[in-house]
Amino acid sequence: MIPRRALAGSVGSLVILLGCSTGASEADDHAVGLALAHADVQADEVQIEVREVGPGEVEVLLVRDVSAQDDSVRAVRHVVTVTVQGTRQVIGSRVEQACQPGRGHHDFASDPCL
């Protein structure tokens, strides 16, 4: 199982939940593992949140603070949708970014930063 921690972290003005809710299940652990592999990131590089989005589906949000490496992008978020019933598999994904102050949108979006 992937260890669960309910710690709040921040990326700029973003507050992100690290880990899953206290009701984390083995299915959530498997979904997180699939999402990490799909996004090609390590668990210690990102903040992780799992949320139910429909019957048998969860979204795994993997957020990485890149503000020290990029003057326009503050954070990158991989949103990976995984089935948790039957055959567990990735059924969708997208990459979003939040911009540095004065460099575009502050919330996560697919639009590029300036």
PDB file of N, CA and C in Angstrom:
ATOM      1  N   MET A   1       0.833  -1.197   0.000  1.00  0.00           N
ATOM      2  CA  MET A   1       0.000   0.000   0.000  1.00  0.00           C
ATOM      3  C   MET A   1       0.868   1.248   0.000  1.00  0.00           C
ATOM      4  N   ILE A   2       0.381   2.293  -0.624  1.00  0.00           N
ATOM      5  CA  ILE A   2       1.071   3.569  -0.622  1.00  0.00           C
ATOM      6  C   ILE A   2       0.697   4.297   0.660  1.00  0.00           C
ATOM      7  N   PRO A   3       1.673   4.785   1.417  1.00  0.00           N
ATOM      8  CA  PRO A   3       1.342   5.466   2.677  1.00  0.00           C
ATOM      9  C   PRO A   3       0.457   6.678   2.432  1.00  0.00           C
ATOM     10  N   ARG A   4      -0.471   6.902   3.326  1.00  0.00           N
ATOM     11  CA  ARG A   4      -1.392   8.033   3.205  1.00  0.00           C
ATOM     12  C   ARG A   4      -1.084   9.041   4.280  1.00  0.00           C
ATOM     13  N   ARG A   5      -0.986  10.286   3.869  1.00  0.00           N
ATOM     14  CA  ARG A   5      -0.795  11.373   4.820  1.00  0.00           C
ATOM     15  C   ARG A   5      -1.796  12.458   4.482  1.00  0.00           C
ATOM     16  N   ALA A   6      -2.445  13.007   5.467  1.00  0.00           N
ATOM     17  CA  ALA A   6      -3.386  14.102   5.237  1.00  0.00           C
ATOM     18  C   ALA A   6      -2.714  15.385   5.682  1.00  0.00           C
ATOM     19  N   LEU A   7      -1.784  15.848   4.885  1.00  0.00           N
ATOM     20  CA  LEU A   7      -1.054  17.064   5.189  1.00  0.00           C
ATOM     21  C   LEU A   7      -1.384  18.105   4.142  1.00  0.00           C
ATOM     22  N   ALA A   8      -1.584  19.315   4.567  1.00  0.00           N
ATOM     23  CA  ALA A   8      -1.814  20.379   3.597  1.00  0.00           C
ATOM     24  C   ALA A   8      -0.472  20.969   3.224  1.00  0.00           C
ATOM     25  N   GLY A   9      -0.245  21.131   1.943  1.00  0.00           N
ATOM     26  CA  GLY A   9       0.965  21.780   1.463  1.00  0.00           C
ATOM     27  C   GLY A   9       0.545  22.954   0.618  1.00  0.00           C
ATOM     28  N   SER A  10       1.466  23.791   0.261  1.00  0.00           N
ATOM     29  CA  SER A  10       1.094  24.908  -0.589  1.00  0.00           C
ATOM     30  C   SER A  10       2.092  25.048  -1.719  1.00  0.00           C
ATOM     31  N   VAL A  11       1.584  25.468  -2.843  1.00  0.00           N
ATOM     32  CA  VAL A  11       2.383  25.799  -4.007  1.00  0.00           C
ATOM     33  C   VAL A  11       1.955  27.213  -4.353  1.00  0.00           C
ATOM     34  N   GLY A  12       2.756  28.197  -3.979  1.00  0.00           N
ATOM     35  CA  GLY A  12       2.322  29.583  -4.133  1.00  0.00           C
ATOM     36  C   GLY A  12       1.098  29.792  -3.269  1.00  0.00           C
ATOM     37  N   SER A  13       0.009  30.238  -3.891  1.00  0.00           N
ATOM     38  CA  SER A  13      -1.217  30.438  -3.131  1.00  0.00           C
ATOM     39  C   SER A  13      -2.153  29.236  -3.228  1.00  0.00           C
ATOM     40  N   LEU A  14      -1.680  28.125  -3.837  1.00  0.00           N
ATOM     41  CA  LEU A  14      -2.512  26.940  -3.961  1.00  0.00           C
ATOM     42  C   LEU A  14      -2.381  26.083  -2.710  1.00  0.00           C
ATOM     43  N   VAL A  15      -3.485  25.585  -2.214  1.00  0.00           N
ATOM     44  CA  VAL A  15      -3.432  24.654  -1.104  1.00  0.00           C
ATOM     45  C   VAL A  15      -3.849  23.301  -1.647  1.00  0.00           C
ATOM     46  N   ILE A  16      -3.015  22.299  -1.408  1.00  0.00           N
ATOM     47  CA  ILE A  16      -3.219  20.993  -2.008  1.00  0.00           C
ATOM     48  C   ILE A  16      -3.189  19.941  -0.920  1.00  0.00           C
ATOM     49  N   LEU A  17      -4.065  18.966  -1.013  1.00  0.00           N
ATOM     50  CA  LEU A  17      -4.080  17.867  -0.062  1.00  0.00           C
ATOM     51  C   LEU A  17      -3.078  16.829  -0.511  1.00  0.00           C
ATOM     52  N   LEU A  18      -2.213  16.412   0.398  1.00  0.00           N
ATOM     53  CA  LEU A  18      -1.232  15.374   0.105  1.00  0.00           C
ATOM     54  C   LEU A  18      -1.771  14.064   0.625  1.00  0.00           C
ATOM     55  N   GLY A  19      -1.957  13.115  -0.259  1.00  0.00           N
ATOM     56  CA  GLY A  19      -2.507  11.827   0.113  1.00  0.00           C
ATOM     57  C   GLY A  19      -3.993  11.783  -0.162  1.00  0.00           C
ATOM     58  N   CYS A  20      -4.620  10.737   0.313  1.00  0.00           N
ATOM     59  CA  CYS A  20      -6.050  10.555   0.089  1.00  0.00           C
ATOM     60  C   CYS A  20      -6.805  10.807   1.373  1.00  0.00           C
ATOM     61  N   SER A  21      -8.110  10.772   1.255  1.00  0.00           N
ATOM     62  CA  SER A  21      -8.929  10.897   2.449  1.00  0.00           C
ATOM     63  C   SER A  21      -8.628   9.739   3.391  1.00  0.00           C
ATOM     64  N   THR A  22      -9.070   9.842   4.610  1.00  0.00           N
ATOM     65  CA  THR A  22      -8.779   8.805   5.592  1.00  0.00           C
ATOM     66  C   THR A  22      -9.421   7.486   5.215  1.00  0.00           C
ATOM     67  N   GLY A  23     -10.349   7.483   4.272  1.00  0.00           N
ATOM     68  CA  GLY A  23     -10.971   6.246   3.821  1.00  0.00           C
ATOM     69  C   GLY A  23     -10.267   5.655   2.618  1.00  0.00           C
ATOM     70  N   ALA A  24      -8.981   5.920   2.457  1.00  0.00           N
ATOM     71  CA  ALA A  24      -8.227   5.411   1.315  1.00  0.00           C
ATOM     72  C   ALA A  24      -8.297   3.894   1.272  1.00  0.00           C
ATOM     73  N   SER A  25      -8.431   3.367   0.076  1.00  0.00           N
ATOM     74  CA  SER A  25      -8.560   1.932  -0.079  1.00  0.00           C
ATOM     75  C   SER A  25      -7.430   1.380  -0.930  1.00  0.00           C
ATOM     76  N   GLU A  26      -7.384   0.065  -1.003  1.00  0.00           N
ATOM     77  CA  GLU A  26      -6.400  -0.587  -1.856  1.00  0.00           C
ATOM     78  C   GLU A  26      -6.640  -0.207  -3.317  1.00  0.00           C
ATOM     79  N   ALA A  27      -7.906  -0.019  -3.703  1.00  0.00           N
ATOM     80  CA  ALA A  27      -8.216   0.413  -5.070  1.00  0.00           C
ATOM     81  C   ALA A  27      -7.604   1.788  -5.342  1.00  0.00           C
ATOM     82  N   ASP A  28      -7.662   2.697  -4.343  1.00  0.00           N
ATOM     83  CA  ASP A  28      -7.042   4.012  -4.496  1.00  0.00           C
ATOM     84  C   ASP A  28      -5.534   3.871  -4.658  1.00  0.00           C
ATOM     85  N   ASP A  29      -4.927   2.982  -3.873  1.00  0.00           N
ATOM     86  CA  ASP A  29      -3.489   2.754  -3.977  1.00  0.00           C
ATOM     87  C   ASP A  29      -3.120   2.299  -5.383  1.00  0.00           C
ATOM     88  N   HIS A  30      -3.903   1.377  -5.932  1.00  0.00           N
ATOM     89  CA  HIS A  30      -3.639   0.883  -7.279  1.00  0.00           C
ATOM     90  C   HIS A  30      -3.816   2.004  -8.299  1.00  0.00           C
ATOM     91  N   ALA A  31      -4.850   2.817  -8.116  1.00  0.00           N
ATOM     92  CA  ALA A  31      -5.088   3.943  -9.026  1.00  0.00           C
ATOM     93  C   ALA A  31      -3.928   4.924  -8.988  1.00  0.00           C
ATOM     94  N   VAL A  32      -3.408   5.208  -7.790  1.00  0.00           N
ATOM     95  CA  VAL A  32      -2.257   6.107  -7.657  1.00  0.00           C
ATOM     96  C   VAL A  32      -1.048   5.518  -8.361  1.00  0.00           C
ATOM     97  N   GLY A  33      -0.813   4.229  -8.189  1.00  0.00           N
ATOM     98  CA  GLY A  33       0.306   3.574  -8.862  1.00  0.00           C
ATOM     99  C   GLY A  33       0.196   3.663 -10.372  1.00  0.00           C
ATOM    100  N   LEU A  34      -1.004   3.423 -10.902  1.00  0.00           N
ATOM    101  CA  LEU A  34      -1.212   3.546 -12.347  1.00  0.00           C
ATOM    102  C   LEU A  34      -0.979   4.981 -12.822  1.00  0.00           C
ATOM    103  N   ALA A  35      -1.484   5.952 -12.060  1.00  0.00           N
ATOM    104  CA  ALA A  35      -1.334   7.359 -12.438  1.00  0.00           C
ATOM    105  C   ALA A  35       0.128   7.790 -12.418  1.00  0.00           C
ATOM    106  N   LEU A  36       0.873   7.376 -11.395  1.00  0.00           N
ATOM    107  CA  LEU A  36       2.296   7.722 -11.318  1.00  0.00           C
ATOM    108  C   LEU A  36       3.052   7.149 -12.511  1.00  0.00           C
ATOM    109  N   ALA A  37       2.766   5.897 -12.857  1.00  0.00           N
ATOM    110  CA  ALA A  37       3.426   5.276 -14.004  1.00  0.00           C
ATOM    111  C   ALA A  37       3.036   5.979 -15.301  1.00  0.00           C
ATOM    112  N   HIS A  38       1.751   6.304 -15.445  1.00  0.00           N
ATOM    113  CA  HIS A  38       1.267   6.973 -16.662  1.00  0.00           C
ATOM    114  C   HIS A  38       1.921   8.344 -16.839  1.00  0.00           C
ATOM    115  N   ALA A  39       2.045   9.086 -15.744  1.00  0.00           N
ATOM    116  CA  ALA A  39       2.629  10.435 -15.806  1.00  0.00           C
ATOM    117  C   ALA A  39       4.157  10.400 -15.760  1.00  0.00           C
ATOM    118  N   ASP A  40       4.727   9.230 -15.511  1.00  0.00           N
ATOM    119  CA  ASP A  40       6.178   9.044 -15.436  1.00  0.00           C
ATOM    120  C   ASP A  40       6.802   9.944 -14.371  1.00  0.00           C
ATOM    121  N   VAL A  41       6.197   9.917 -13.175  1.00  0.00           N
ATOM    122  CA  VAL A  41       6.733  10.666 -12.034  1.00  0.00           C
ATOM    123  C   VAL A  41       6.813   9.747 -10.823  1.00  0.00           C
ATOM    124  N   GLN A  42       7.630  10.119  -9.848  1.00  0.00           N
ATOM    125  CA  GLN A  42       7.780   9.379  -8.602  1.00  0.00           C
ATOM    126  C   GLN A  42       6.904  10.012  -7.529  1.00  0.00           C
ATOM    127  N   ALA A  43       6.425   9.202  -6.604  1.00  0.00           N
ATOM    128  CA  ALA A  43       5.532   9.698  -5.554  1.00  0.00           C
ATOM    129  C   ALA A  43       6.168  10.790  -4.712  1.00  0.00           C
ATOM    130  N   ASP A  44       7.494  10.737  -4.509  1.00  0.00           N
ATOM    131  CA  ASP A  44       8.139  11.754  -3.674  1.00  0.00           C
ATOM    132  C   ASP A  44       8.382  13.068  -4.416  1.00  0.00           C
ATOM    133  N   GLU A  45       8.024  13.132  -5.708  1.00  0.00           N
ATOM    134  CA  GLU A  45       8.198  14.347  -6.503  1.00  0.00           C
ATOM    135  C   GLU A  45       6.924  15.182  -6.593  1.00  0.00           C
ATOM    136  N   VAL A  46       5.806  14.621  -6.154  1.00  0.00           N
ATOM    137  CA  VAL A  46       4.513  15.272  -6.359  1.00  0.00           C
ATOM    138  C   VAL A  46       3.660  15.213  -5.100  1.00  0.00           C
ATOM    139  N   GLN A  47       2.665  16.080  -5.068  1.00  0.00           N
ATOM    140  CA  GLN A  47       1.611  16.003  -4.069  1.00  0.00           C
ATOM    141  C   GLN A  47       0.462  15.265  -4.739  1.00  0.00           C
ATOM    142  N   ILE A  48      -0.188  14.373  -4.000  1.00  0.00           N
ATOM    143  CA  ILE A  48      -1.170  13.461  -4.577  1.00  0.00           C
ATOM    144  C   ILE A  48      -2.532  13.662  -3.916  1.00  0.00           C
ATOM    145  N   GLU A  49      -3.565  13.719  -4.764  1.00  0.00           N
ATOM    146  CA  GLU A  49      -4.942  13.752  -4.278  1.00  0.00           C
ATOM    147  C   GLU A  49      -5.760  12.793  -5.129  1.00  0.00           C
ATOM    148  N   VAL A  50      -6.627  12.024  -4.501  1.00  0.00           N
ATOM    149  CA  VAL A  50      -7.525  11.116  -5.211  1.00  0.00           C
ATOM    150  C   VAL A  50      -8.945  11.566  -4.916  1.00  0.00           C
ATOM    151  N   ARG A  51      -9.753  11.675  -5.980  1.00  0.00           N
ATOM    152  CA  ARG A  51     -11.156  12.039  -5.772  1.00  0.00           C
ATOM    153  C   ARG A  51     -12.043  11.203  -6.687  1.00  0.00           C
ATOM    154  N   GLU A  52     -13.179  10.784  -6.149  1.00  0.00           N
ATOM    155  CA  GLU A  52     -14.135  10.005  -6.918  1.00  0.00           C
ATOM    156  C   GLU A  52     -14.837  10.929  -7.901  1.00  0.00           C
ATOM    157  N   VAL A  53     -14.938  10.485  -9.169  1.00  0.00           N
ATOM    158  CA  VAL A  53     -15.588  11.321 -10.181  1.00  0.00           C
ATOM    159  C   VAL A  53     -16.809  10.659 -10.793  1.00  0.00           C
ATOM    160  N   GLY A  54     -17.038   9.422 -10.466  1.00  0.00           N
ATOM    161  CA  GLY A  54     -18.193   8.709 -10.993  1.00  0.00           C
ATOM    162  C   GLY A  54     -18.165   7.284 -10.499  1.00  0.00           C
ATOM    163  N   PRO A  55     -19.193   6.535 -10.822  1.00  0.00           N
ATOM    164  CA  PRO A  55     -19.229   5.142 -10.383  1.00  0.00           C
ATOM    165  C   PRO A  55     -18.029   4.367 -10.948  1.00  0.00           C
ATOM    166  N   GLY A  56     -17.193   3.877 -10.062  1.00  0.00           N
ATOM    167  CA  GLY A  56     -16.059   3.069 -10.494  1.00  0.00           C
ATOM    168  C   GLY A  56     -14.905   3.841 -11.101  1.00  0.00           C
ATOM    169  N   GLU A  57     -14.905   5.161 -10.978  1.00  0.00           N
ATOM    170  CA  GLU A  57     -13.831   5.981 -11.542  1.00  0.00           C
ATOM    171  C   GLU A  57     -13.314   6.971 -10.517  1.00  0.00           C
ATOM    172  N   VAL A  58     -12.002   7.169 -10.521  1.00  0.00           N
ATOM    173  CA  VAL A  58     -11.378   8.191  -9.685  1.00  0.00           C
ATOM    174  C   VAL A  58     -10.440   9.023 -10.541  1.00  0.00           C
ATOM    175  N   GLU A  59     -10.237  10.249 -10.119  1.00  0.00           N
ATOM    176  CA  GLU A  59      -9.200  11.097 -10.698  1.00  0.00           C
ATOM    177  C   GLU A  59      -8.058  11.155  -9.700  1.00  0.00           C
ATOM    178  N   VAL A  60      -6.857  10.944 -10.203  1.00  0.00           N
ATOM    179  CA  VAL A  60      -5.664  11.087  -9.388  1.00  0.00           C
ATOM    180  C   VAL A  60      -4.980  12.364  -9.854  1.00  0.00           C
ATOM    181  N   LEU A  61      -4.793  13.311  -8.937  1.00  0.00           N
ATOM    182  CA  LEU A  61      -4.138  14.572  -9.250  1.00  0.00           C
ATOM    183  C   LEU A  61      -2.715  14.521  -8.708  1.00  0.00           C
ATOM    184  N   LEU A  62      -1.756  14.739  -9.585  1.00  0.00           N
ATOM    185  CA  LEU A  62      -0.341  14.721  -9.238  1.00  0.00           C
ATOM    186  C   LEU A  62       0.195  16.117  -9.500  1.00  0.00           C
ATOM    187  N   VAL A  63       0.555  16.834  -8.440  1.00  0.00           N
ATOM    188  CA  VAL A  63       0.958  18.234  -8.573  1.00  0.00           C
ATOM    189  C   VAL A  63       2.434  18.387  -8.219  1.00  0.00           C
ATOM    190  N   ARG A  64       3.156  19.032  -9.131  1.00  0.00           N
ATOM    191  CA  ARG A  64       4.592  19.274  -8.912  1.00  0.00           C
ATOM    192  C   ARG A  64       4.856  20.778  -8.950  1.00  0.00           C
ATOM    193  N   ASP A  65       5.531  21.272  -7.924  1.00  0.00           N
ATOM    194  CA  ASP A  65       5.949  22.677  -7.860  1.00  0.00           C
ATOM    195  C   ASP A  65       7.198  22.826  -8.729  1.00  0.00           C
ATOM    196  N   VAL A  66       7.109  23.645  -9.769  1.00  0.00           N
ATOM    197  CA  VAL A  66       8.254  23.866 -10.656  1.00  0.00           C
ATOM    198  C   VAL A  66       8.690  25.330 -10.651  1.00  0.00           C
ATOM    199  N   SER A  67       8.218  26.085  -9.661  1.00  0.00           N
ATOM    200  CA  SER A  67       8.463  27.527  -9.638  1.00  0.00           C
ATOM    201  C   SER A  67       9.943  27.877  -9.588  1.00  0.00           C
ATOM    202  N   ALA A  68      10.764  27.033  -8.989  1.00  0.00           N
ATOM    203  CA  ALA A  68      12.201  27.323  -8.907  1.00  0.00           C
ATOM    204  C   ALA A  68      12.902  27.066 -10.245  1.00  0.00           C
ATOM    205  N   GLN A  69      12.306  26.250 -11.107  1.00  0.00           N
ATOM    206  CA  GLN A  69      12.928  25.915 -12.386  1.00  0.00           C
ATOM    207  C   GLN A  69      12.357  26.689 -13.565  1.00  0.00           C
ATOM    208  N   ASP A  70      11.253  27.385 -13.374  1.00  0.00           N
ATOM    209  CA  ASP A  70      10.579  28.028 -14.511  1.00  0.00           C
ATOM    210  C   ASP A  70      10.098  29.414 -14.106  1.00  0.00           C
ATOM    211  N   ASP A  71      10.395  30.409 -14.927  1.00  0.00           N
ATOM    212  CA  ASP A  71       9.986  31.774 -14.573  1.00  0.00           C
ATOM    213  C   ASP A  71       8.543  32.090 -14.971  1.00  0.00           C
ATOM    214  N   SER A  72       7.895  31.205 -15.725  1.00  0.00           N
ATOM    215  CA  SER A  72       6.508  31.474 -16.083  1.00  0.00           C
ATOM    216  C   SER A  72       5.527  30.463 -15.482  1.00  0.00           C
ATOM    217  N   VAL A  73       5.923  29.214 -15.302  1.00  0.00           N
ATOM    218  CA  VAL A  73       5.040  28.183 -14.749  1.00  0.00           C
ATOM    219  C   VAL A  73       5.348  27.989 -13.270  1.00  0.00           C
ATOM    220  N   ARG A  74       4.297  28.032 -12.449  1.00  0.00           N
ATOM    221  CA  ARG A  74       4.436  27.851 -11.000  1.00  0.00           C
ATOM    222  C   ARG A  74       4.301  26.388 -10.607  1.00  0.00           C
ATOM    223  N   ALA A  75       3.333  25.681 -11.203  1.00  0.00           N
ATOM    224  CA  ALA A  75       3.096  24.278 -10.860  1.00  0.00           C
ATOM    225  C   ALA A  75       2.486  23.561 -12.059  1.00  0.00           C
ATOM    226  N   VAL A  76       2.762  22.259 -12.140  1.00  0.00           N
ATOM    227  CA  VAL A  76       2.206  21.407 -13.185  1.00  0.00           C
ATOM    228  C   VAL A  76       1.359  20.344 -12.510  1.00  0.00           C
ATOM    229  N   ARG A  77       0.161  20.096 -13.080  1.00  0.00           N
ATOM    230  CA  ARG A  77      -0.736  19.089 -12.514  1.00  0.00           C
ATOM    231  C   ARG A  77      -1.097  18.070 -13.595  1.00  0.00           C
ATOM    232  N   HIS A  78      -0.835  16.797 -13.305  1.00  0.00           N
ATOM    233  CA  HIS A  78      -1.297  15.698 -14.140  1.00  0.00           C
ATOM    234  C   HIS A  78      -2.612  15.223 -13.537  1.00  0.00           C
ATOM    235  N   VAL A  79      -3.660  15.172 -14.341  1.00  0.00           N
ATOM    236  CA  VAL A  79      -4.955  14.666 -13.897  1.00  0.00           C
ATOM    237  C   VAL A  79      -5.191  13.368 -14.657  1.00  0.00           C
ATOM    238  N   VAL A  80      -5.178  12.256 -13.937  1.00  0.00           N
ATOM    239  CA  VAL A  80      -5.281  10.940 -14.558  1.00  0.00           C
ATOM    240  C   VAL A  80      -6.553  10.269 -14.052  1.00  0.00           C
ATOM    241  N   THR A  81      -7.435   9.874 -14.971  1.00  0.00           N
ATOM    242  CA  THR A  81      -8.675   9.195 -14.609  1.00  0.00           C
ATOM    243  C   THR A  81      -8.451   7.693 -14.738  1.00  0.00           C
ATOM    244  N   VAL A  82      -8.828   6.976 -13.673  1.00  0.00           N
ATOM    245  CA  VAL A  82      -8.567   5.538 -13.588  1.00  0.00           C
ATOM    246  C   VAL A  82      -9.857   4.818 -13.199  1.00  0.00           C
ATOM    247  N   THR A  83     -10.110   3.654 -13.833  1.00  0.00           N
ATOM    248  CA  THR A  83     -11.215   2.814 -13.391  1.00  0.00           C
ATOM    249  C   THR A  83     -10.743   2.041 -12.170  1.00  0.00           C
ATOM    250  N   VAL A  84     -11.626   1.872 -11.185  1.00  0.00           N
ATOM    251  CA  VAL A  84     -11.263   1.148  -9.962  1.00  0.00           C
ATOM    252  C   VAL A  84     -12.137  -0.079  -9.748  1.00  0.00           C
ATOM    253  N   GLN A  85     -12.972  -0.386 -10.725  1.00  0.00           N
ATOM    254  CA  GLN A  85     -13.779  -1.605 -10.659  1.00  0.00           C
ATOM    255  C   GLN A  85     -13.432  -2.446 -11.878  1.00  0.00           C
ATOM    256  N   GLY A  86     -13.396  -3.759 -11.697  1.00  0.00           N
ATOM    257  CA  GLY A  86     -13.052  -4.635 -12.807  1.00  0.00           C
ATOM    258  C   GLY A  86     -11.584  -4.456 -13.168  1.00  0.00           C
ATOM    259  N   THR A  87     -11.306  -4.386 -14.454  1.00  0.00           N
ATOM    260  CA  THR A  87      -9.931  -4.181 -14.913  1.00  0.00           C
ATOM    261  C   THR A  87      -9.543  -2.741 -14.657  1.00  0.00           C
ATOM    262  N   ARG A  88      -8.554  -2.553 -13.814  1.00  0.00           N
ATOM    263  CA  ARG A  88      -8.117  -1.194 -13.480  1.00  0.00           C
ATOM    264  C   ARG A  88      -7.206  -0.687 -14.580  1.00  0.00           C
ATOM    265  N   GLN A  89      -7.576   0.484 -15.129  1.00  0.00           N
ATOM    266  CA  GLN A  89      -6.785   1.043 -16.206  1.00  0.00           C
ATOM    267  C   GLN A  89      -6.984   2.546 -16.306  1.00  0.00           C
ATOM    268  N   VAL A  90      -6.016   3.206 -16.930  1.00  0.00           N
ATOM    269  CA  VAL A  90      -6.116   4.636 -17.188  1.00  0.00           C
ATOM    270  C   VAL A  90      -7.084   4.827 -18.348  1.00  0.00           C
ATOM    271  N   ILE A  91      -8.090   5.680 -18.152  1.00  0.00           N
ATOM    272  CA  ILE A  91      -9.063   5.931 -19.216  1.00  0.00           C
ATOM    273  C   ILE A  91      -9.035   7.375 -19.709  1.00  0.00           C
ATOM    274  N   GLY A  92      -8.188   8.196 -19.099  1.00  0.00           N
ATOM    275  CA  GLY A  92      -8.063   9.574 -19.556  1.00  0.00           C
ATOM    276  C   GLY A  92      -6.991  10.303 -18.775  1.00  0.00           C
ATOM    277  N   SER A  93      -6.423  11.316 -19.410  1.00  0.00           N
ATOM    278  CA  SER A  93      -5.433  12.135 -18.709  1.00  0.00           C
ATOM    279  C   SER A  93      -5.301  13.484 -19.393  1.00  0.00           C
ATOM    280  N   ARG A  94      -4.844  14.437 -18.601  1.00  0.00           N
ATOM    281  CA  ARG A  94      -4.546  15.766 -19.137  1.00  0.00           C
ATOM    282  C   ARG A  94      -3.482  16.406 -18.256  1.00  0.00           C
ATOM    283  N   VAL A  95      -2.779  17.370 -18.825  1.00  0.00           N
ATOM    284  CA  VAL A  95      -1.759  18.102 -18.076  1.00  0.00           C
ATOM    285  C   VAL A  95      -2.181  19.558 -18.044  1.00  0.00           C
ATOM    286  N   GLU A  96      -2.143  20.139 -16.859  1.00  0.00           N
ATOM    287  CA  GLU A  96      -2.515  21.539 -16.667  1.00  0.00           C
ATOM    288  C   GLU A  96      -1.378  22.252 -15.944  1.00  0.00           C
ATOM    289  N   GLN A  97      -1.392  23.563 -16.033  1.00  0.00           N
ATOM    290  CA  GLN A  97      -0.371  24.345 -15.341  1.00  0.00           C
ATOM    291  C   GLN A  97      -0.984  25.583 -14.711  1.00  0.00           C
ATOM    292  N   ALA A  98      -0.350  26.034 -13.641  1.00  0.00           N
ATOM    293  CA  ALA A  98      -0.695  27.298 -12.983  1.00  0.00           C
ATOM    294  C   ALA A  98       0.512  28.215 -13.187  1.00  0.00           C
ATOM    295  N   CYS A  99       0.248  29.454 -13.506  1.00  0.00           N
ATOM    296  CA  CYS A  99       1.315  30.378 -13.879  1.00  0.00           C
ATOM    297  C   CYS A  99       1.857  31.173 -12.687  1.00  0.00           C
ATOM    298  N   GLN A 100       3.072  31.646 -12.850  1.00  0.00           N
ATOM    299  CA  GLN A 100       3.688  32.553 -11.891  1.00  0.00           C
ATOM    300  C   GLN A 100       2.898  33.872 -11.902  1.00  0.00           C
ATOM    301  N   PRO A 101       2.959  34.655 -10.816  1.00  0.00           N
ATOM    302  CA  PRO A 101       2.269  35.957 -10.797  1.00  0.00           C
ATOM    303  C   PRO A 101       2.713  36.821 -11.989  1.00  0.00           C
ATOM    304  N   GLY A 102       1.728  37.402 -12.646  1.00  0.00           N
ATOM    305  CA  GLY A 102       2.002  38.271 -13.780  1.00  0.00           C
ATOM    306  C   GLY A 102       2.318  37.541 -15.076  1.00  0.00           C
ATOM    307  N   ARG A 103       2.213  36.205 -15.079  1.00  0.00           N
ATOM    308  CA  ARG A 103       2.562  35.419 -16.265  1.00  0.00           C
ATOM    309  C   ARG A 103       1.374  34.648 -16.831  1.00  0.00           C
ATOM    310  N   GLY A 104       0.157  35.054 -16.467  1.00  0.00           N
ATOM    311  CA  GLY A 104      -1.031  34.394 -17.001  1.00  0.00           C
ATOM    312  C   GLY A 104      -1.954  33.926 -15.890  1.00  0.00           C
ATOM    313  N   HIS A 105      -2.743  32.897 -16.186  1.00  0.00           N
ATOM    314  CA  HIS A 105      -3.757  32.388 -15.251  1.00  0.00           C
ATOM    315  C   HIS A 105      -3.109  31.836 -13.979  1.00  0.00           C
ATOM    316  N   HIS A 106      -3.829  31.975 -12.865  1.00  0.00           N
ATOM    317  CA  HIS A 106      -3.306  31.516 -11.572  1.00  0.00           C
ATOM    318  C   HIS A 106      -3.853  30.155 -11.183  1.00  0.00           C
ATOM    319  N   ASP A 107      -5.017  29.790 -11.741  1.00  0.00           N
ATOM    320  CA  ASP A 107      -5.583  28.474 -11.486  1.00  0.00           C
ATOM    321  C   ASP A 107      -5.031  27.498 -12.513  1.00  0.00           C
ATOM    322  N   PHE A 108      -5.155  26.215 -12.252  1.00  0.00           N
ATOM    323  CA  PHE A 108      -4.702  25.219 -13.204  1.00  0.00           C
ATOM    324  C   PHE A 108      -5.572  25.259 -14.456  1.00  0.00           C
ATOM    325  N   ALA A 109      -4.917  25.258 -15.617  1.00  0.00           N
ATOM    326  CA  ALA A 109      -5.597  25.266 -16.915  1.00  0.00           C
ATOM    327  C   ALA A 109      -4.637  24.718 -17.963  1.00  0.00           C
ATOM    328  N   SER A 110      -5.188  24.343 -19.104  1.00  0.00           N
ATOM    329  CA  SER A 110      -4.342  23.825 -20.170  1.00  0.00           C
ATOM    330  C   SER A 110      -3.734  24.945 -21.013  1.00  0.00           C
ATOM    331  N   ASP A 111      -4.203  26.175 -20.830  1.00  0.00           N
ATOM    332  CA  ASP A 111      -3.655  27.310 -21.575  1.00  0.00           C
ATOM    333  C   ASP A 111      -2.215  27.560 -21.140  1.00  0.00           C
ATOM    334  N   PRO A 112      -1.355  27.927 -22.105  1.00  0.00           N
ATOM    335  CA  PRO A 112       0.053  28.175 -21.744  1.00  0.00           C
ATOM    336  C   PRO A 112       0.221  29.448 -20.917  1.00  0.00           C
ATOM    337  N   CYS A 113       1.289  29.466 -20.135  1.00  0.00           N
ATOM    338  CA  CYS A 113       1.649  30.668 -19.380  1.00  0.00           C
ATOM    339  C   CYS A 113       2.420  31.597 -20.316  1.00  0.00           C
ATOM    340  N   LEU A 114       2.474  32.881 -19.961  1.00  0.00           N
ATOM    341  CA  LEU A 114       3.171  33.864 -20.801  1.00  0.00           C
ATOM    342  C   LEU A 114       4.637  33.951 -20.422  1.00  0.00           C
TER     343      LEU A 114
END
